[in-house]
Amino acid sequence: MKNRNFRNNSNKKIYPSTISLLYPIVAMIYIATKTSEVSVTIGYGLSQLGYVMFFAGVYKGTFLVFNLDKRLQVFVSAIVCVGMGFMFINAK
């Protein structure tokens, strides 16, 4: 009985961050229709993921789909994603 309750509580916390991953995926699909460069597509997706993670850090402080349960972890990961995204976009 306790195991069932624990599982339900953890699923409720994961769903918002899982659903928010749809935005970077859709953004990558959109940019892939506009350009043929793979590095630009990956960079754009990473930078959009960073923006989503930054918002999650401000709003909730967690991003549990990646097991980030502290606000500082979310902000550092968001900065890394945006930085890597810019590096991929500008790579030539």
PDB file of N, CA and C in Angstrom:
ATOM      1  N   MET A   1       0.826  -1.187   0.000  1.00  0.00           N
ATOM      2  CA  MET A   1       0.000   0.000   0.000  1.00  0.00           C
ATOM      3  C   MET A   1       0.870   1.251   0.000  1.00  0.00           C
ATOM      4  N   LYS A   2       1.910   1.281   0.804  1.00  0.00           N
ATOM      5  CA  LYS A   2       2.775   2.455   0.843  1.00  0.00           C
ATOM      6  C   LYS A   2       3.511   2.648  -0.483  1.00  0.00           C
ATOM      7  N   ASN A   3       3.932   1.572  -1.109  1.00  0.00           N
ATOM      8  CA  ASN A   3       4.649   1.667  -2.381  1.00  0.00           C
ATOM      9  C   ASN A   3       3.754   2.296  -3.452  1.00  0.00           C
ATOM     10  N   ARG A   4       2.498   1.964  -3.463  1.00  0.00           N
ATOM     11  CA  ARG A   4       1.567   2.523  -4.449  1.00  0.00           C
ATOM     12  C   ARG A   4       1.421   4.031  -4.260  1.00  0.00           C
ATOM     13  N   ASN A   5       1.317   4.502  -3.022  1.00  0.00           N
ATOM     14  CA  ASN A   5       1.197   5.926  -2.742  1.00  0.00           C
ATOM     15  C   ASN A   5       2.475   6.666  -3.127  1.00  0.00           C
ATOM     16  N   PHE A   6       3.610   6.068  -2.880  1.00  0.00           N
ATOM     17  CA  PHE A   6       4.879   6.705  -3.236  1.00  0.00           C
ATOM     18  C   PHE A   6       4.986   6.877  -4.748  1.00  0.00           C
ATOM     19  N   ARG A   7       4.583   5.869  -5.479  1.00  0.00           N
ATOM     20  CA  ARG A   7       4.662   5.923  -6.936  1.00  0.00           C
ATOM     21  C   ARG A   7       3.750   7.015  -7.486  1.00  0.00           C
ATOM     22  N   ASN A   8       2.565   7.168  -6.954  1.00  0.00           N
ATOM     23  CA  ASN A   8       1.635   8.189  -7.418  1.00  0.00           C
ATOM     24  C   ASN A   8       2.158   9.588  -7.132  1.00  0.00           C
ATOM     25  N   ASN A   9       2.784   9.799  -5.984  1.00  0.00           N
ATOM     26  CA  ASN A   9       3.325  11.113  -5.645  1.00  0.00           C
ATOM     27  C   ASN A   9       4.466  11.489  -6.576  1.00  0.00           C
ATOM     28  N   SER A  10       5.333  10.561  -6.911  1.00  0.00           N
ATOM     29  CA  SER A  10       6.469  10.894  -7.761  1.00  0.00           C
ATOM     30  C   SER A  10       6.025  11.155  -9.198  1.00  0.00           C
ATOM     31  N   ASN A  11       5.002  10.463  -9.682  1.00  0.00           N
ATOM     32  CA  ASN A  11       4.516  10.697 -11.037  1.00  0.00           C
ATOM     33  C   ASN A  11       3.893  12.076 -11.183  1.00  0.00           C
ATOM     34  N   LYS A  12       3.247  12.576 -10.171  1.00  0.00           N
ATOM     35  CA  LYS A  12       2.656  13.907 -10.235  1.00  0.00           C
ATOM     36  C   LYS A  12       3.723  14.975 -10.374  1.00  0.00           C
ATOM     37  N   LYS A  13       4.884  14.790  -9.788  1.00  0.00           N
ATOM     38  CA  LYS A  13       5.952  15.779  -9.867  1.00  0.00           C
ATOM     39  C   LYS A  13       6.678  15.723 -11.204  1.00  0.00           C
ATOM     40  N   ILE A  14       6.720  14.583 -11.836  1.00  0.00           N
ATOM     41  CA  ILE A  14       7.485  14.441 -13.072  1.00  0.00           C
ATOM     42  C   ILE A  14       6.715  14.968 -14.279  1.00  0.00           C
ATOM     43  N   TYR A  15       5.416  14.852 -14.307  1.00  0.00           N
ATOM     44  CA  TYR A  15       4.655  15.201 -15.504  1.00  0.00           C
ATOM     45  C   TYR A  15       4.845  16.632 -16.014  1.00  0.00           C
ATOM     46  N   PRO A  16       4.854  17.662 -15.197  1.00  0.00           N
ATOM     47  CA  PRO A  16       5.026  19.015 -15.760  1.00  0.00           C
ATOM     48  C   PRO A  16       6.358  19.203 -16.487  1.00  0.00           C
ATOM     49  N   SER A  17       7.427  18.687 -15.934  1.00  0.00           N
ATOM     50  CA  SER A  17       8.712  18.850 -16.615  1.00  0.00           C
ATOM     51  C   SER A  17       8.805  17.958 -17.850  1.00  0.00           C
ATOM     52  N   THR A  18       8.139  16.823 -17.832  1.00  0.00           N
ATOM     53  CA  THR A  18       8.132  15.960 -19.013  1.00  0.00           C
ATOM     54  C   THR A  18       7.356  16.615 -20.144  1.00  0.00           C
ATOM     55  N   ILE A  19       6.221  17.189 -19.821  1.00  0.00           N
ATOM     56  CA  ILE A  19       5.421  17.861 -20.835  1.00  0.00           C
ATOM     57  C   ILE A  19       6.148  19.094 -21.366  1.00  0.00           C
ATOM     58  N   SER A  20       6.896  19.777 -20.529  1.00  0.00           N
ATOM     59  CA  SER A  20       7.617  20.964 -20.982  1.00  0.00           C
ATOM     60  C   SER A  20       8.728  20.619 -21.967  1.00  0.00           C
ATOM     61  N   LEU A  21       9.139  19.367 -22.025  1.00  0.00           N
ATOM     62  CA  LEU A  21      10.145  18.960 -23.012  1.00  0.00           C
ATOM     63  C   LEU A  21       9.580  18.954 -24.433  1.00  0.00           C
ATOM     64  N   LEU A  22       8.279  19.012 -24.571  1.00  0.00           N
ATOM     65  CA  LEU A  22       7.683  19.076 -25.904  1.00  0.00           C
ATOM     66  C   LEU A  22       8.069  20.361 -26.627  1.00  0.00           C
ATOM     67  N   TYR A  23       8.223  21.455 -25.898  1.00  0.00           N
ATOM     68  CA  TYR A  23       8.562  22.729 -26.536  1.00  0.00           C
ATOM     69  C   TYR A  23       9.908  22.677 -27.260  1.00  0.00           C
ATOM     70  N   PRO A  24      11.010  22.224 -26.634  1.00  0.00           N
ATOM     71  CA  PRO A  24      12.265  22.138 -27.387  1.00  0.00           C
ATOM     72  C   PRO A  24      12.212  21.146 -28.544  1.00  0.00           C
ATOM     73  N   ILE A  25      11.450  20.070 -28.392  1.00  0.00           N
ATOM     74  CA  ILE A  25      11.339  19.090 -29.479  1.00  0.00           C
ATOM     75  C   ILE A  25      10.622  19.700 -30.673  1.00  0.00           C
ATOM     76  N   VAL A  26       9.523  20.402 -30.411  1.00  0.00           N
ATOM     77  CA  VAL A  26       8.793  21.056 -31.493  1.00  0.00           C
ATOM     78  C   VAL A  26       9.649  22.159 -32.121  1.00  0.00           C
ATOM     79  N   ALA A  27      10.408  22.872 -31.303  1.00  0.00           N
ATOM     80  CA  ALA A  27      11.290  23.916 -31.830  1.00  0.00           C
ATOM     81  C   ALA A  27      12.361  23.324 -32.745  1.00  0.00           C
ATOM     82  N   MET A  28      12.901  22.166 -32.375  1.00  0.00           N
ATOM     83  CA  MET A  28      13.892  21.516 -33.225  1.00  0.00           C
ATOM     84  C   MET A  28      13.276  21.064 -34.545  1.00  0.00           C
ATOM     85  N   ILE A  29      12.075  20.549 -34.497  1.00  0.00           N
ATOM     86  CA  ILE A  29      11.405  20.129 -35.732  1.00  0.00           C
ATOM     87  C   ILE A  29      11.146  21.340 -36.625  1.00  0.00           C
ATOM     88  N   TYR A  30      10.729  22.441 -36.019  1.00  0.00           N
ATOM     89  CA  TYR A  30      10.463  23.649 -36.800  1.00  0.00           C
ATOM     90  C   TYR A  30      11.729  24.182 -37.464  1.00  0.00           C
ATOM     91  N   ILE A  31      12.814  24.289 -36.706  1.00  0.00           N
ATOM     92  CA  ILE A  31      14.054  24.851 -37.265  1.00  0.00           C
ATOM     93  C   ILE A  31      14.657  23.897 -38.286  1.00  0.00           C
ATOM     94  N   ALA A  32      14.391  22.609 -38.167  1.00  0.00           N
ATOM     95  CA  ALA A  32      14.892  21.648 -39.150  1.00  0.00           C
ATOM     96  C   ALA A  32      14.229  21.857 -40.503  1.00  0.00           C
ATOM     97  N   THR A  33      13.013  22.402 -40.514  1.00  0.00           N
ATOM     98  CA  THR A  33      12.359  22.699 -41.796  1.00  0.00           C
ATOM     99  C   THR A  33      12.922  23.957 -42.433  1.00  0.00           C
ATOM    100  N   LYS A  34      13.593  24.807 -41.664  1.00  0.00           N
ATOM    101  CA  LYS A  34      14.117  26.070 -42.176  1.00  0.00           C
ATOM    102  C   LYS A  34      15.581  25.993 -42.591  1.00  0.00           C
ATOM    103  N   THR A  35      16.344  25.077 -42.002  1.00  0.00           N
ATOM    104  CA  THR A  35      17.762  24.961 -42.314  1.00  0.00           C
ATOM    105  C   THR A  35      18.136  23.485 -42.427  1.00  0.00           C
ATOM    106  N   SER A  36      19.199  23.233 -43.152  1.00  0.00           N
ATOM    107  CA  SER A  36      19.616  21.836 -43.333  1.00  0.00           C
ATOM    108  C   SER A  36      20.818  21.479 -42.462  1.00  0.00           C
ATOM    109  N   GLU A  37      21.320  22.409 -41.679  1.00  0.00           N
ATOM    110  CA  GLU A  37      22.486  22.149 -40.841  1.00  0.00           C
ATOM    111  C   GLU A  37      22.058  21.473 -39.533  1.00  0.00           C
ATOM    112  N   VAL A  38      22.663  20.341 -39.272  1.00  0.00           N
ATOM    113  CA  VAL A  38      22.320  19.573 -38.071  1.00  0.00           C
ATOM    114  C   VAL A  38      22.780  20.301 -36.813  1.00  0.00           C
ATOM    115  N   SER A  39      23.947  20.946 -36.859  1.00  0.00           N
ATOM    116  CA  SER A  39      24.451  21.641 -35.675  1.00  0.00           C
ATOM    117  C   SER A  39      23.533  22.791 -35.273  1.00  0.00           C
ATOM    118  N   VAL A  40      22.942  23.479 -36.242  1.00  0.00           N
ATOM    119  CA  VAL A  40      22.004  24.557 -35.929  1.00  0.00           C
ATOM    120  C   VAL A  40      20.743  23.985 -35.290  1.00  0.00           C
ATOM    121  N   THR A  41      20.264  22.874 -35.790  1.00  0.00           N
ATOM    122  CA  THR A  41      19.062  22.248 -35.229  1.00  0.00           C
ATOM    123  C   THR A  41      19.297  21.811 -33.789  1.00  0.00           C
ATOM    124  N   ILE A  42      20.422  21.164 -33.541  1.00  0.00           N
ATOM    125  CA  ILE A  42      20.743  20.716 -32.175  1.00  0.00           C
ATOM    126  C   ILE A  42      20.962  21.913 -31.257  1.00  0.00           C
ATOM    127  N   GLY A  43      21.670  22.910 -31.739  1.00  0.00           N
ATOM    128  CA  GLY A  43      21.921  24.105 -30.936  1.00  0.00           C
ATOM    129  C   GLY A  43      20.648  24.841 -30.581  1.00  0.00           C
ATOM    130  N   TYR A  44      19.753  24.949 -31.545  1.00  0.00           N
ATOM    131  CA  TYR A  44      18.482  25.623 -31.292  1.00  0.00           C
ATOM    132  C   TYR A  44      17.667  24.847 -30.258  1.00  0.00           C
ATOM    133  N   GLY A  45      17.638  23.534 -30.367  1.00  0.00           N
ATOM    134  CA  GLY A  45      16.926  22.717 -29.392  1.00  0.00           C
ATOM    135  C   GLY A  45      17.520  22.827 -28.001  1.00  0.00           C
ATOM    136  N   LEU A  46      18.848  22.823 -27.918  1.00  0.00           N
ATOM    137  CA  LEU A  46      19.502  22.954 -26.607  1.00  0.00           C
ATOM    138  C   LEU A  46      19.241  24.319 -25.981  1.00  0.00           C
ATOM    139  N   SER A  47      19.292  25.369 -26.789  1.00  0.00           N
ATOM    140  CA  SER A  47      19.055  26.694 -26.223  1.00  0.00           C
ATOM    141  C   SER A  47      17.601  26.834 -25.767  1.00  0.00           C
ATOM    142  N   GLN A  48      16.652  26.273 -26.507  1.00  0.00           N
ATOM    143  CA  GLN A  48      15.257  26.310 -26.078  1.00  0.00           C
ATOM    144  C   GLN A  48      15.049  25.489 -24.806  1.00  0.00           C
ATOM    145  N   LEU A  49      15.754  24.361 -24.686  1.00  0.00           N
ATOM    146  CA  LEU A  49      15.692  23.568 -23.457  1.00  0.00           C
ATOM    147  C   LEU A  49      16.239  24.373 -22.283  1.00  0.00           C
ATOM    148  N   GLY A  50      17.296  25.121 -22.515  1.00  0.00           N
ATOM    149  CA  GLY A  50      17.841  25.975 -21.462  1.00  0.00           C
ATOM    150  C   GLY A  50      16.850  27.026 -21.003  1.00  0.00           C
ATOM    151  N   TYR A  51      16.124  27.626 -21.957  1.00  0.00           N
ATOM    152  CA  TYR A  51      15.115  28.618 -21.588  1.00  0.00           C
ATOM    153  C   TYR A  51      13.996  27.988 -20.772  1.00  0.00           C
ATOM    154  N   VAL A  52      13.578  26.799 -21.156  1.00  0.00           N
ATOM    155  CA  VAL A  52      12.522  26.097 -20.410  1.00  0.00           C
ATOM    156  C   VAL A  52      13.013  25.766 -19.005  1.00  0.00           C
ATOM    157  N   MET A  53      14.254  25.312 -18.903  1.00  0.00           N
ATOM    158  CA  MET A  53      14.802  24.969 -17.584  1.00  0.00           C
ATOM    159  C   MET A  53      14.966  26.222 -16.718  1.00  0.00           C
ATOM    160  N   PHE A  54      15.346  27.336 -17.324  1.00  0.00           N
ATOM    161  CA  PHE A  54      15.470  28.574 -16.560  1.00  0.00           C
ATOM    162  C   PHE A  54      14.114  28.987 -15.995  1.00  0.00           C
ATOM    163  N   PHE A  55      13.062  28.904 -16.820  1.00  0.00           N
ATOM    164  CA  PHE A  55      11.725  29.219 -16.338  1.00  0.00           C
ATOM    165  C   PHE A  55      11.307  28.271 -15.221  1.00  0.00           C
ATOM    166  N   ALA A  56      11.618  26.983 -15.373  1.00  0.00           N
ATOM    167  CA  ALA A  56      11.285  26.013 -14.330  1.00  0.00           C
ATOM    168  C   ALA A  56      12.035  26.325 -13.041  1.00  0.00           C
ATOM    169  N   GLY A  57      13.278  26.797 -13.169  1.00  0.00           N
ATOM    170  CA  GLY A  57      14.042  27.163 -11.982  1.00  0.00           C
ATOM    171  C   GLY A  57      13.446  28.350 -11.253  1.00  0.00           C
ATOM    172  N   VAL A  58      12.942  29.313 -12.012  1.00  0.00           N
ATOM    173  CA  VAL A  58      12.316  30.486 -11.394  1.00  0.00           C
ATOM    174  C   VAL A  58      10.967  30.113 -10.803  1.00  0.00           C
ATOM    175  N   TYR A  59      10.172  29.371 -11.563  1.00  0.00           N
ATOM    176  CA  TYR A  59       8.794  29.090 -11.151  1.00  0.00           C
ATOM    177  C   TYR A  59       8.708  28.035 -10.054  1.00  0.00           C
ATOM    178  N   LYS A  60       9.352  26.890 -10.261  1.00  0.00           N
ATOM    179  CA  LYS A  60       9.200  25.762  -9.339  1.00  0.00           C
ATOM    180  C   LYS A  60      10.490  25.445  -8.575  1.00  0.00           C
ATOM    181  N   GLY A  61      11.617  25.609  -9.250  1.00  0.00           N
ATOM    182  CA  GLY A  61      12.886  25.296  -8.605  1.00  0.00           C
ATOM    183  C   GLY A  61      13.355  23.874  -8.829  1.00  0.00           C
ATOM    184  N   THR A  62      12.578  23.085  -9.588  1.00  0.00           N
ATOM    185  CA  THR A  62      12.964  21.704  -9.883  1.00  0.00           C
ATOM    186  C   THR A  62      12.717  21.414 -11.355  1.00  0.00           C
ATOM    187  N   PHE A  63      13.417  20.403 -11.842  1.00  0.00           N
ATOM    188  CA  PHE A  63      13.174  19.854 -13.175  1.00  0.00           C
ATOM    189  C   PHE A  63      13.380  18.359 -13.030  1.00  0.00           C
ATOM    190  N   LEU A  64      12.357  17.691 -12.519  1.00  0.00           N
ATOM    191  CA  LEU A  64      12.496  16.326 -12.031  1.00  0.00           C
ATOM    192  C   LEU A  64      12.660  15.286 -13.122  1.00  0.00           C
ATOM    193  N   VAL A  65      12.338  15.605 -14.366  1.00  0.00           N
ATOM    194  CA  VAL A  65      12.538  14.624 -15.425  1.00  0.00           C
ATOM    195  C   VAL A  65      14.038  14.340 -15.597  1.00  0.00           C
ATOM    196  N   PHE A  66      14.885  15.309 -15.266  1.00  0.00           N
ATOM    197  CA  PHE A  66      16.337  15.119 -15.283  1.00  0.00           C
ATOM    198  C   PHE A  66      16.901  14.941 -13.876  1.00  0.00           C
ATOM    199  N   ASN A  67      16.039  14.717 -12.895  1.00  0.00           N
ATOM    200  CA  ASN A  67      16.414  14.494 -11.496  1.00  0.00           C
ATOM    201  C   ASN A  67      17.129  15.715 -10.909  1.00  0.00           C
ATOM    202  N   LEU A  68      16.721  16.902 -11.297  1.00  0.00           N
ATOM    203  CA  LEU A  68      17.260  18.142 -10.743  1.00  0.00           C
ATOM    204  C   LEU A  68      16.254  18.650  -9.724  1.00  0.00           C
ATOM    205  N   ASP A  69      16.568  18.479  -8.447  1.00  0.00           N
ATOM    206  CA  ASP A  69      15.601  18.824  -7.415  1.00  0.00           C
ATOM    207  C   ASP A  69      15.987  20.058  -6.607  1.00  0.00           C
ATOM    208  N   LYS A  70      17.068  20.715  -6.977  1.00  0.00           N
ATOM    209  CA  LYS A  70      17.476  21.945  -6.304  1.00  0.00           C
ATOM    210  C   LYS A  70      17.540  23.070  -7.322  1.00  0.00           C
ATOM    211  N   ARG A  71      17.167  24.261  -6.891  1.00  0.00           N
ATOM    212  CA  ARG A  71      17.098  25.414  -7.779  1.00  0.00           C
ATOM    213  C   ARG A  71      18.443  25.718  -8.430  1.00  0.00           C
ATOM    214  N   LEU A  72      19.515  25.623  -7.678  1.00  0.00           N
ATOM    215  CA  LEU A  72      20.843  25.906  -8.227  1.00  0.00           C
ATOM    216  C   LEU A  72      21.210  24.908  -9.324  1.00  0.00           C
ATOM    217  N   GLN A  73      20.875  23.639  -9.130  1.00  0.00           N
ATOM    218  CA  GLN A  73      21.132  22.632 -10.172  1.00  0.00           C
ATOM    219  C   GLN A  73      20.393  22.971 -11.459  1.00  0.00           C
ATOM    220  N   VAL A  74      19.157  23.425 -11.337  1.00  0.00           N
ATOM    221  CA  VAL A  74      18.360  23.760 -12.513  1.00  0.00           C
ATOM    222  C   VAL A  74      18.968  24.963 -13.233  1.00  0.00           C
ATOM    223  N   PHE A  75      19.359  25.993 -12.482  1.00  0.00           N
ATOM    224  CA  PHE A  75      19.944  27.182 -13.107  1.00  0.00           C
ATOM    225  C   PHE A  75      21.273  26.880 -13.786  1.00  0.00           C
ATOM    226  N   VAL A  76      22.111  26.085 -13.144  1.00  0.00           N
ATOM    227  CA  VAL A  76      23.402  25.734 -13.754  1.00  0.00           C
ATOM    228  C   VAL A  76      23.184  24.918 -15.022  1.00  0.00           C
ATOM    229  N   SER A  77      22.263  23.980 -14.976  1.00  0.00           N
ATOM    230  CA  SER A  77      21.963  23.177 -16.169  1.00  0.00           C
ATOM    231  C   SER A  77      21.377  24.038 -17.285  1.00  0.00           C
ATOM    232  N   ALA A  78      20.557  25.002 -16.932  1.00  0.00           N
ATOM    233  CA  ALA A  78      19.984  25.901 -17.937  1.00  0.00           C
ATOM    234  C   ALA A  78      21.073  26.735 -18.600  1.00  0.00           C
ATOM    235  N   ILE A  79      22.000  27.238 -17.825  1.00  0.00           N
ATOM    236  CA  ILE A  79      23.096  28.041 -18.375  1.00  0.00           C
ATOM    237  C   ILE A  79      23.973  27.189 -19.281  1.00  0.00           C
ATOM    238  N   VAL A  80      24.233  25.959 -18.868  1.00  0.00           N
ATOM    239  CA  VAL A  80      25.039  25.054 -19.696  1.00  0.00           C
ATOM    240  C   VAL A  80      24.324  24.742 -21.007  1.00  0.00           C
ATOM    241  N   CYS A  81      23.014  24.492 -20.946  1.00  0.00           N
ATOM    242  CA  CYS A  81      22.261  24.187 -22.172  1.00  0.00           C
ATOM    243  C   CYS A  81      22.248  25.376 -23.128  1.00  0.00           C
ATOM    244  N   VAL A  82      22.022  26.566 -22.610  1.00  0.00           N
ATOM    245  CA  VAL A  82      22.009  27.749 -23.473  1.00  0.00           C
ATOM    246  C   VAL A  82      23.401  27.976 -24.061  1.00  0.00           C
ATOM    247  N   GLY A  83      24.432  27.836 -23.248  1.00  0.00           N
ATOM    248  CA  GLY A  83      25.804  28.013 -23.746  1.00  0.00           C
ATOM    249  C   GLY A  83      26.169  26.997 -24.815  1.00  0.00           C
ATOM    250  N   MET A  84      25.835  25.743 -24.568  1.00  0.00           N
ATOM    251  CA  MET A  84      26.121  24.715 -25.575  1.00  0.00           C
ATOM    252  C   MET A  84      25.298  24.946 -26.835  1.00  0.00           C
ATOM    253  N   GLY A  85      24.070  25.394 -26.666  1.00  0.00           N
ATOM    254  CA  GLY A  85      23.232  25.694 -27.820  1.00  0.00           C
ATOM    255  C   GLY A  85      23.833  26.786 -28.682  1.00  0.00           C
ATOM    256  N   PHE A  86      24.310  27.847 -28.051  1.00  0.00           N
ATOM    257  CA  PHE A  86      24.949  28.928 -28.811  1.00  0.00           C
ATOM    258  C   PHE A  86      26.218  28.452 -29.488  1.00  0.00           C
ATOM    259  N   MET A  87      26.955  27.570 -28.827  1.00  0.00           N
ATOM    260  CA  MET A  87      28.173  27.040 -29.443  1.00  0.00           C
ATOM    261  C   MET A  87      27.839  26.205 -30.673  1.00  0.00           C
ATOM    262  N   PHE A  88      26.804  25.385 -30.596  1.00  0.00           N
ATOM    263  CA  PHE A  88      26.403  24.572 -31.744  1.00  0.00           C
ATOM    264  C   PHE A  88      25.865  25.444 -32.881  1.00  0.00           C
ATOM    265  N   ILE A  89      25.113  26.475 -32.548  1.00  0.00           N
ATOM    266  CA  ILE A  89      24.548  27.347 -33.577  1.00  0.00           C
ATOM    267  C   ILE A  89      25.654  28.084 -34.316  1.00  0.00           C
ATOM    268  N   ASN A  90      26.675  28.538 -33.608  1.00  0.00           N
ATOM    269  CA  ASN A  90      27.743  29.328 -34.206  1.00  0.00           C
ATOM    270  C   ASN A  90      28.914  28.497 -34.705  1.00  0.00           C
ATOM    271  N   ALA A  91      28.844  27.177 -34.606  1.00  0.00           N
ATOM    272  CA  ALA A  91      29.947  26.311 -35.051  1.00  0.00           C
ATOM    273  C   ALA A  91      29.991  26.311 -36.588  1.00  0.00           C
ATOM    274  N   LYS A  92      31.205  26.484 -37.098  1.00  0.00           N
ATOM    275  CA  LYS A  92      31.379  26.437 -38.559  1.00  0.00           C
ATOM    276  C   LYS A  92      32.637  25.714 -38.926  1.00  0.00           C
TER     277      LYS A  92
END
